[in-house]
Full PDB file with SEQRES, HELIX, SHEET, SSBOND, CRYST1, ORIGX, SCALE, CONECT and MASTER records, all heavy atoms in Angstrom:
SEQRES   1 A   29  ALA ASP ARG GLU CYS PHE SER LEU ASP PHE LYS LEU PHE          
SEQRES   2 A   29  PHE LEU SER ILE PHE GLU VAL ILE GLY GLU MET ILE SER          
SEQRES   3 A   29  TYR VAL LYS                                                  
HELIX    1 AA1 PHE A    6  VAL A   28  1                                  23    
CRYST1    1.000    1.000    1.000  90.00  90.00  90.00 P 1           1          
ORIGX1      1.000000  0.000000  0.000000        0.00000                         
ORIGX2      0.000000  1.000000  0.000000        0.00000                         
ORIGX3      0.000000  0.000000  1.000000        0.00000                         
SCALE1      1.000000  0.000000  0.000000        0.00000                         
SCALE2      0.000000  1.000000  0.000000        0.00000                         
SCALE3      0.000000  0.000000  1.000000        0.00000                         
ATOM      1  N   ALA A   1       0.806  -1.164   0.003  1.00  0.00           N  
ATOM      2  CA  ALA A   1      -0.066  -0.034  -0.012  1.00  0.00           C  
ATOM      3  C   ALA A   1       0.950   1.276   0.003  1.00  0.00           C  
ATOM      4  O   ALA A   1       0.523   2.263  -0.550  1.00  0.00           O  
ATOM      5  CB  ALA A   1      -0.953  -0.055   1.222  1.00  0.00           C  
ATOM      6  N   ASP A   2       2.004   1.173   0.618  1.00  0.00           N  
ATOM      7  CA  ASP A   2       2.979   2.375   0.735  1.00  0.00           C  
ATOM      8  C   ASP A   2       3.739   2.511  -0.671  1.00  0.00           C  
ATOM      9  O   ASP A   2       4.153   3.532  -1.041  1.00  0.00           O  
ATOM     10  CB  ASP A   2       3.914   2.147   1.767  1.00  0.00           C  
ATOM     11  CG  ASP A   2       3.299   2.549   3.097  1.00  0.00           C  
ATOM     12  OD1 ASP A   2       2.452   3.385   3.192  1.00  0.00           O  
ATOM     13  OD2 ASP A   2       3.712   1.954   4.187  1.00  0.00           O  
ATOM     14  N   ARG A   3       4.030   1.398  -1.254  1.00  0.00           N  
ATOM     15  CA  ARG A   3       5.101   1.345  -2.410  1.00  0.00           C  
ATOM     16  C   ARG A   3       4.354   1.259  -3.725  1.00  0.00           C  
ATOM     17  O   ARG A   3       5.018   1.255  -4.717  1.00  0.00           O  
ATOM     18  CB  ARG A   3       6.099   0.205  -2.189  1.00  0.00           C  
ATOM     19  CG  ARG A   3       6.932   0.396  -1.043  1.00  0.00           C  
ATOM     20  CD  ARG A   3       7.723  -0.748  -0.787  1.00  0.00           C  
ATOM     21  NE  ARG A   3       8.555  -0.991  -2.086  1.00  0.00           N  
ATOM     22  CZ  ARG A   3       9.176  -2.248  -2.397  1.00  0.00           C  
ATOM     23  NH1 ARG A   3       9.027  -3.282  -1.666  1.00  0.00           N  
ATOM     24  NH2 ARG A   3       9.798  -2.341  -3.541  1.00  0.00           N  
ATOM     25  N   GLU A   4       3.013   1.125  -3.874  1.00  0.00           N  
ATOM     26  CA  GLU A   4       2.436   0.872  -5.063  1.00  0.00           C  
ATOM     27  C   GLU A   4       2.866   1.839  -6.227  1.00  0.00           C  
ATOM     28  O   GLU A   4       2.914   2.929  -6.099  1.00  0.00           O  
ATOM     29  CB  GLU A   4       0.904   1.109  -4.947  1.00  0.00           C  
ATOM     30  CG  GLU A   4       0.024   0.724  -6.345  1.00  0.00           C  
ATOM     31  CD  GLU A   4      -1.351   1.039  -6.150  1.00  0.00           C  
ATOM     32  OE1 GLU A   4      -1.557   2.046  -5.333  1.00  0.00           O  
ATOM     33  OE2 GLU A   4      -2.150   0.358  -6.728  1.00  0.00           O  
ATOM     34  N   CYS A   5       3.421   1.145  -7.295  1.00  0.00           N  
ATOM     35  CA  CYS A   5       3.917   1.914  -8.440  1.00  0.00           C  
ATOM     36  C   CYS A   5       4.126   0.967  -9.668  1.00  0.00           C  
ATOM     37  O   CYS A   5       4.100  -0.350  -9.425  1.00  0.00           O  
ATOM     38  CB  CYS A   5       5.338   2.584  -8.017  1.00  0.00           C  
ATOM     39  SG  CYS A   5       6.599   1.381  -7.656  1.00  0.00           S  
ATOM     40  N   PHE A   6       4.355   1.527 -10.746  1.00  0.00           N  
ATOM     41  CA  PHE A   6       4.438   0.604 -11.991  1.00  0.00           C  
ATOM     42  C   PHE A   6       5.584  -0.375 -11.875  1.00  0.00           C  
ATOM     43  O   PHE A   6       5.415  -1.569 -12.291  1.00  0.00           O  
ATOM     44  CB  PHE A   6       4.565   1.585 -13.262  1.00  0.00           C  
ATOM     45  CG  PHE A   6       4.648   0.660 -14.516  1.00  0.00           C  
ATOM     46  CD1 PHE A   6       3.606   0.042 -15.062  1.00  0.00           C  
ATOM     47  CD2 PHE A   6       6.014   0.452 -15.106  1.00  0.00           C  
ATOM     48  CE1 PHE A   6       3.720  -0.716 -16.321  1.00  0.00           C  
ATOM     49  CE2 PHE A   6       6.088  -0.381 -16.174  1.00  0.00           C  
ATOM     50  CZ  PHE A   6       4.916  -0.797 -16.854  1.00  0.00           C  
ATOM     51  N   SER A   7       6.798   0.018 -11.479  1.00  0.00           N  
ATOM     52  CA  SER A   7       7.910  -0.792 -11.523  1.00  0.00           C  
ATOM     53  C   SER A   7       7.620  -2.093 -10.533  1.00  0.00           C  
ATOM     54  O   SER A   7       8.062  -3.075 -10.835  1.00  0.00           O  
ATOM     55  CB  SER A   7       9.227  -0.199 -10.997  1.00  0.00           C  
ATOM     56  OG  SER A   7       8.934   0.482  -9.764  1.00  0.00           O  
ATOM     57  N   LEU A   8       7.079  -1.805  -9.297  1.00  0.00           N  
ATOM     58  CA  LEU A   8       6.683  -2.909  -8.363  1.00  0.00           C  
ATOM     59  C   LEU A   8       5.755  -3.780  -8.970  1.00  0.00           C  
ATOM     60  O   LEU A   8       5.827  -5.000  -8.803  1.00  0.00           O  
ATOM     61  CB  LEU A   8       6.279  -2.234  -6.976  1.00  0.00           C  
ATOM     62  CG  LEU A   8       5.950  -3.354  -5.958  1.00  0.00           C  
ATOM     63  CD1 LEU A   8       7.104  -4.095  -5.694  1.00  0.00           C  
ATOM     64  CD2 LEU A   8       5.509  -2.621  -4.696  1.00  0.00           C  
ATOM     65  N   ASP A   9       4.660  -3.244  -9.569  1.00  0.00           N  
ATOM     66  CA  ASP A   9       3.486  -3.997 -10.100  1.00  0.00           C  
ATOM     67  C   ASP A   9       4.140  -4.995 -11.242  1.00  0.00           C  
ATOM     68  O   ASP A   9       3.781  -6.054 -11.460  1.00  0.00           O  
ATOM     69  CB  ASP A   9       2.475  -3.096 -10.578  1.00  0.00           C  
ATOM     70  CG  ASP A   9       1.613  -2.610  -9.576  1.00  0.00           C  
ATOM     71  OD1 ASP A   9       1.782  -3.028  -8.337  1.00  0.00           O  
ATOM     72  OD2 ASP A   9       0.679  -1.797  -9.777  1.00  0.00           O  
ATOM     73  N   PHE A  10       4.818  -4.289 -12.112  1.00  0.00           N  
ATOM     74  CA  PHE A  10       5.453  -5.101 -13.216  1.00  0.00           C  
ATOM     75  C   PHE A  10       6.353  -6.247 -12.647  1.00  0.00           C  
ATOM     76  O   PHE A  10       6.171  -7.405 -13.131  1.00  0.00           O  
ATOM     77  CB  PHE A  10       6.367  -4.203 -14.011  1.00  0.00           C  
ATOM     78  CG  PHE A  10       7.058  -4.827 -15.248  1.00  0.00           C  
ATOM     79  CD1 PHE A  10       6.296  -4.711 -16.511  1.00  0.00           C  
ATOM     80  CD2 PHE A  10       8.308  -5.375 -15.317  1.00  0.00           C  
ATOM     81  CE1 PHE A  10       6.824  -5.300 -17.543  1.00  0.00           C  
ATOM     82  CE2 PHE A  10       8.802  -5.962 -16.338  1.00  0.00           C  
ATOM     83  CZ  PHE A  10       8.084  -5.914 -17.529  1.00  0.00           C  
ATOM     84  N   LYS A  11       7.174  -6.110 -11.729  1.00  0.00           N  
ATOM     85  CA  LYS A  11       8.111  -7.073 -11.073  1.00  0.00           C  
ATOM     86  C   LYS A  11       7.239  -8.130 -10.537  1.00  0.00           C  
ATOM     87  O   LYS A  11       7.361  -9.215 -10.749  1.00  0.00           O  
ATOM     88  CB  LYS A  11       8.927  -6.358 -10.157  1.00  0.00           C  
ATOM     89  CG  LYS A  11       9.771  -7.387  -9.274  1.00  0.00           C  
ATOM     90  CD  LYS A  11      10.701  -6.712  -8.393  1.00  0.00           C  
ATOM     91  CE  LYS A  11      11.506  -7.696  -7.484  1.00  0.00           C  
ATOM     92  NZ  LYS A  11      12.310  -6.895  -6.406  1.00  0.00           N  
ATOM     93  N   LEU A  12       6.078  -7.810  -9.703  1.00  0.00           N  
ATOM     94  CA  LEU A  12       5.338  -8.787  -8.999  1.00  0.00           C  
ATOM     95  C   LEU A  12       4.453  -9.573  -9.919  1.00  0.00           C  
ATOM     96  O   LEU A  12       4.323 -10.826  -9.849  1.00  0.00           O  
ATOM     97  CB  LEU A  12       4.460  -8.148  -7.986  1.00  0.00           C  
ATOM     98  CG  LEU A  12       5.172  -7.574  -6.694  1.00  0.00           C  
ATOM     99  CD1 LEU A  12       4.101  -6.771  -5.949  1.00  0.00           C  
ATOM    100  CD2 LEU A  12       5.681  -8.750  -5.841  1.00  0.00           C  
ATOM    101  N   PHE A  13       4.091  -9.013 -11.110  1.00  0.00           N  
ATOM    102  CA  PHE A  13       3.243  -9.670 -12.083  1.00  0.00           C  
ATOM    103  C   PHE A  13       4.030 -10.751 -12.698  1.00  0.00           C  
ATOM    104  O   PHE A  13       3.578 -11.899 -12.707  1.00  0.00           O  
ATOM    105  CB  PHE A  13       2.759  -8.659 -13.223  1.00  0.00           C  
ATOM    106  CG  PHE A  13       1.914  -9.291 -14.287  1.00  0.00           C  
ATOM    107  CD1 PHE A  13       0.600  -9.385 -13.898  1.00  0.00           C  
ATOM    108  CD2 PHE A  13       2.502  -9.703 -15.288  1.00  0.00           C  
ATOM    109  CE1 PHE A  13      -0.303  -9.981 -15.015  1.00  0.00           C  
ATOM    110  CE2 PHE A  13       1.708 -10.241 -16.342  1.00  0.00           C  
ATOM    111  CZ  PHE A  13       0.165 -10.432 -16.160  1.00  0.00           C  
ATOM    112  N   PHE A  14       5.260 -10.526 -13.098  1.00  0.00           N  
ATOM    113  CA  PHE A  14       5.948 -11.542 -13.901  1.00  0.00           C  
ATOM    114  C   PHE A  14       6.714 -12.587 -12.865  1.00  0.00           C  
ATOM    115  O   PHE A  14       6.680 -13.673 -13.176  1.00  0.00           O  
ATOM    116  CB  PHE A  14       7.083 -10.926 -14.872  1.00  0.00           C  
ATOM    117  CG  PHE A  14       6.430 -10.290 -15.933  1.00  0.00           C  
ATOM    118  CD1 PHE A  14       6.270  -9.025 -16.048  1.00  0.00           C  
ATOM    119  CD2 PHE A  14       5.873 -11.078 -16.967  1.00  0.00           C  
ATOM    120  CE1 PHE A  14       5.801  -8.320 -17.226  1.00  0.00           C  
ATOM    121  CE2 PHE A  14       5.389 -10.467 -18.126  1.00  0.00           C  
ATOM    122  CZ  PHE A  14       5.218  -9.198 -18.212  1.00  0.00           C  
ATOM    123  N   LEU A  15       7.091 -12.070 -11.677  1.00  0.00           N  
ATOM    124  CA  LEU A  15       7.717 -12.991 -10.711  1.00  0.00           C  
ATOM    125  C   LEU A  15       6.828 -13.933 -10.205  1.00  0.00           C  
ATOM    126  O   LEU A  15       7.102 -15.138 -10.061  1.00  0.00           O  
ATOM    127  CB  LEU A  15       8.449 -12.229  -9.674  1.00  0.00           C  
ATOM    128  CG  LEU A  15       9.712 -11.449 -10.069  1.00  0.00           C  
ATOM    129  CD1 LEU A  15      10.243 -10.688  -8.807  1.00  0.00           C  
ATOM    130  CD2 LEU A  15      10.867 -12.457 -10.614  1.00  0.00           C  
ATOM    131  N   SER A  16       5.534 -13.409  -9.991  1.00  0.00           N  
ATOM    132  CA  SER A  16       4.518 -14.522  -9.467  1.00  0.00           C  
ATOM    133  C   SER A  16       4.127 -15.395 -10.562  1.00  0.00           C  
ATOM    134  O   SER A  16       3.822 -16.587 -10.080  1.00  0.00           O  
ATOM    135  CB  SER A  16       3.329 -13.581  -9.034  1.00  0.00           C  
ATOM    136  OG  SER A  16       3.624 -12.600  -8.111  1.00  0.00           O  
ATOM    137  N   ILE A  17       4.045 -15.041 -11.877  1.00  0.00           N  
ATOM    138  CA  ILE A  17       3.702 -16.094 -12.736  1.00  0.00           C  
ATOM    139  C   ILE A  17       4.803 -17.108 -12.802  1.00  0.00           C  
ATOM    140  O   ILE A  17       4.467 -18.312 -12.965  1.00  0.00           O  
ATOM    141  CB  ILE A  17       3.654 -15.265 -14.166  1.00  0.00           C  
ATOM    142  CG1 ILE A  17       2.284 -14.486 -14.176  1.00  0.00           C  
ATOM    143  CG2 ILE A  17       3.561 -16.339 -15.254  1.00  0.00           C  
ATOM    144  CD1 ILE A  17       2.023 -13.706 -15.334  1.00  0.00           C  
ATOM    145  N   PHE A  18       6.002 -16.724 -12.864  1.00  0.00           N  
ATOM    146  CA  PHE A  18       7.173 -17.646 -12.959  1.00  0.00           C  
ATOM    147  C   PHE A  18       7.074 -18.610 -11.735  1.00  0.00           C  
ATOM    148  O   PHE A  18       7.362 -19.830 -11.676  1.00  0.00           O  
ATOM    149  CB  PHE A  18       8.464 -16.988 -12.869  1.00  0.00           C  
ATOM    150  CG  PHE A  18       8.852 -16.539 -14.375  1.00  0.00           C  
ATOM    151  CD1 PHE A  18       9.135 -15.206 -14.486  1.00  0.00           C  
ATOM    152  CD2 PHE A  18       8.998 -17.290 -15.417  1.00  0.00           C  
ATOM    153  CE1 PHE A  18       9.407 -14.682 -15.761  1.00  0.00           C  
ATOM    154  CE2 PHE A  18       9.299 -16.934 -16.636  1.00  0.00           C  
ATOM    155  CZ  PHE A  18       9.587 -15.504 -16.768  1.00  0.00           C  
ATOM    156  N   GLU A  19       6.616 -18.115 -10.515  1.00  0.00           N  
ATOM    157  CA  GLU A  19       6.467 -18.818  -9.221  1.00  0.00           C  
ATOM    158  C   GLU A  19       5.461 -19.842  -9.478  1.00  0.00           C  
ATOM    159  O   GLU A  19       5.591 -21.022  -9.201  1.00  0.00           O  
ATOM    160  CB  GLU A  19       6.151 -17.881  -8.208  1.00  0.00           C  
ATOM    161  CG  GLU A  19       6.271 -18.516  -6.764  1.00  0.00           C  
ATOM    162  CD  GLU A  19       7.649 -18.724  -6.222  1.00  0.00           C  
ATOM    163  OE1 GLU A  19       8.604 -18.160  -6.752  1.00  0.00           O  
ATOM    164  OE2 GLU A  19       7.839 -19.437  -5.252  1.00  0.00           O  
ATOM    165  N   VAL A  20       4.383 -19.518  -9.965  1.00  0.00           N  
ATOM    166  CA  VAL A  20       3.227 -20.449 -10.276  1.00  0.00           C  
ATOM    167  C   VAL A  20       3.622 -21.526 -11.224  1.00  0.00           C  
ATOM    168  O   VAL A  20       3.322 -22.644 -11.155  1.00  0.00           O  
ATOM    169  CB  VAL A  20       1.992 -19.630 -10.755  1.00  0.00           C  
ATOM    170  CG1 VAL A  20       0.840 -20.649 -11.234  1.00  0.00           C  
ATOM    171  CG2 VAL A  20       1.365 -18.746  -9.712  1.00  0.00           C  
ATOM    172  N   ILE A  21       4.283 -21.075 -12.335  1.00  0.00           N  
ATOM    173  CA  ILE A  21       4.791 -22.055 -13.268  1.00  0.00           C  
ATOM    174  C   ILE A  21       5.593 -23.083 -12.589  1.00  0.00           C  
ATOM    175  O   ILE A  21       5.597 -24.357 -12.934  1.00  0.00           O  
ATOM    176  CB  ILE A  21       5.537 -21.328 -14.486  1.00  0.00           C  
ATOM    177  CG1 ILE A  21       4.449 -20.483 -15.356  1.00  0.00           C  
ATOM    178  CG2 ILE A  21       6.192 -22.291 -15.373  1.00  0.00           C  
ATOM    179  CD1 ILE A  21       5.046 -19.706 -16.255  1.00  0.00           C  
ATOM    180  N   GLY A  22       6.631 -22.671 -11.815  1.00  0.00           N  
ATOM    181  CA  GLY A  22       7.553 -23.534 -11.187  1.00  0.00           C  
ATOM    182  C   GLY A  22       6.897 -24.453 -10.238  1.00  0.00           C  
ATOM    183  O   GLY A  22       7.134 -25.701 -10.166  1.00  0.00           O  
ATOM    184  N   GLU A  23       5.718 -24.030  -9.497  1.00  0.00           N  
ATOM    185  CA  GLU A  23       4.882 -24.966  -8.785  1.00  0.00           C  
ATOM    186  C   GLU A  23       4.148 -25.881  -9.604  1.00  0.00           C  
ATOM    187  O   GLU A  23       4.092 -27.174  -9.174  1.00  0.00           O  
ATOM    188  CB  GLU A  23       3.994 -24.098  -7.905  1.00  0.00           C  
ATOM    189  CG  GLU A  23       3.274 -24.836  -6.887  1.00  0.00           C  
ATOM    190  CD  GLU A  23       2.429 -23.908  -5.915  1.00  0.00           C  
ATOM    191  OE1 GLU A  23       3.045 -23.029  -5.309  1.00  0.00           O  
ATOM    192  OE2 GLU A  23       1.225 -24.059  -5.831  1.00  0.00           O  
ATOM    193  N   MET A  24       3.746 -25.609 -10.649  1.00  0.00           N  
ATOM    194  CA  MET A  24       2.948 -26.492 -11.481  1.00  0.00           C  
ATOM    195  C   MET A  24       3.760 -27.550 -12.082  1.00  0.00           C  
ATOM    196  O   MET A  24       3.447 -28.772 -12.100  1.00  0.00           O  
ATOM    197  CB  MET A  24       2.150 -25.652 -12.535  1.00  0.00           C  
ATOM    198  CG  MET A  24       0.994 -24.894 -12.061  1.00  0.00           C  
ATOM    199  SD  MET A  24       0.000 -24.339 -13.494  1.00  0.00           S  
ATOM    200  CE  MET A  24       1.069 -23.182 -14.397  1.00  0.00           C  
ATOM    201  N   ILE A  25       4.988 -27.175 -12.500  1.00  0.00           N  
ATOM    202  CA  ILE A  25       5.995 -28.097 -13.054  1.00  0.00           C  
ATOM    203  C   ILE A  25       6.258 -29.159 -12.043  1.00  0.00           C  
ATOM    204  O   ILE A  25       6.363 -30.290 -12.239  1.00  0.00           O  
ATOM    205  CB  ILE A  25       7.198 -27.389 -13.546  1.00  0.00           C  
ATOM    206  CG1 ILE A  25       6.863 -26.583 -14.789  1.00  0.00           C  
ATOM    207  CG2 ILE A  25       8.333 -28.387 -13.961  1.00  0.00           C  
ATOM    208  CD1 ILE A  25       7.960 -25.701 -15.340  1.00  0.00           C  
ATOM    209  N   SER A  26       6.388 -28.671 -10.745  1.00  0.00           N  
ATOM    210  CA  SER A  26       6.834 -29.628  -9.687  1.00  0.00           C  
ATOM    211  C   SER A  26       5.677 -30.666  -9.375  1.00  0.00           C  
ATOM    212  O   SER A  26       6.054 -31.790  -9.133  1.00  0.00           O  
ATOM    213  CB  SER A  26       7.071 -28.678  -8.307  1.00  0.00           C  
ATOM    214  OG  SER A  26       7.198 -29.595  -7.283  1.00  0.00           O  
ATOM    215  N   TYR A  27       4.457 -30.198  -9.524  1.00  0.00           N  
ATOM    216  CA  TYR A  27       3.405 -31.109  -9.267  1.00  0.00           C  
ATOM    217  C   TYR A  27       3.338 -32.150 -10.510  1.00  0.00           C  
ATOM    218  O   TYR A  27       2.937 -33.293 -10.370  1.00  0.00           O  
ATOM    219  CB  TYR A  27       2.083 -30.442  -9.075  1.00  0.00           C  
ATOM    220  CG  TYR A  27       1.794 -30.164  -7.699  1.00  0.00           C  
ATOM    221  CD1 TYR A  27       2.386 -28.843  -7.216  1.00  0.00           C  
ATOM    222  CD2 TYR A  27       1.183 -31.012  -6.740  1.00  0.00           C  
ATOM    223  CE1 TYR A  27       2.227 -28.498  -5.819  1.00  0.00           C  
ATOM    224  CE2 TYR A  27       1.042 -30.688  -5.516  1.00  0.00           C  
ATOM    225  CZ  TYR A  27       1.459 -29.440  -4.943  1.00  0.00           C  
ATOM    226  OH  TYR A  27       1.341 -29.191  -3.703  1.00  0.00           O  
ATOM    227  N   VAL A  28       3.553 -31.755 -11.586  1.00  0.00           N  
ATOM    228  CA  VAL A  28       3.588 -32.603 -12.818  1.00  0.00           C  
ATOM    229  C   VAL A  28       4.617 -33.695 -12.695  1.00  0.00           C  
ATOM    230  O   VAL A  28       4.331 -34.888 -12.908  1.00  0.00           O  
ATOM    231  CB  VAL A  28       3.922 -31.854 -14.147  1.00  0.00           C  
ATOM    232  CG1 VAL A  28       4.157 -32.776 -15.246  1.00  0.00           C  
ATOM    233  CG2 VAL A  28       2.712 -30.937 -14.442  1.00  0.00           C  
ATOM    234  N   LYS A  29       5.747 -33.370 -12.160  1.00  0.00           N  
ATOM    235  CA  LYS A  29       6.886 -34.342 -11.938  1.00  0.00           C  
ATOM    236  C   LYS A  29       6.412 -35.348 -10.837  1.00  0.00           C  
ATOM    237  O   LYS A  29       6.905 -36.418 -10.934  1.00  0.00           O  
ATOM    238  CB  LYS A  29       8.099 -33.580 -11.502  1.00  0.00           C  
ATOM    239  CG  LYS A  29       8.705 -32.892 -12.574  1.00  0.00           C  
ATOM    240  CD  LYS A  29      10.029 -32.212 -12.081  1.00  0.00           C  
ATOM    241  CE  LYS A  29      10.657 -31.377 -13.229  1.00  0.00           C  
ATOM    242  NZ  LYS A  29      11.887 -30.614 -12.696  1.00  0.00           N  
TER     243      LYS A  29                                                      
MASTER        0    0    0    1    0    0    0    6  242    1    0    3          
END                                                                             
C-alpha cells in the first residue's frame, strides 16, 4: 500500500507467474 507503483507491479506480475509455473511443473513431476 505504501509502495504501489508501476515498477513494483511489473516485477510482481511476472515474478509471481514464474513462481506459479515452477509450482505447477513440480506437481507434474
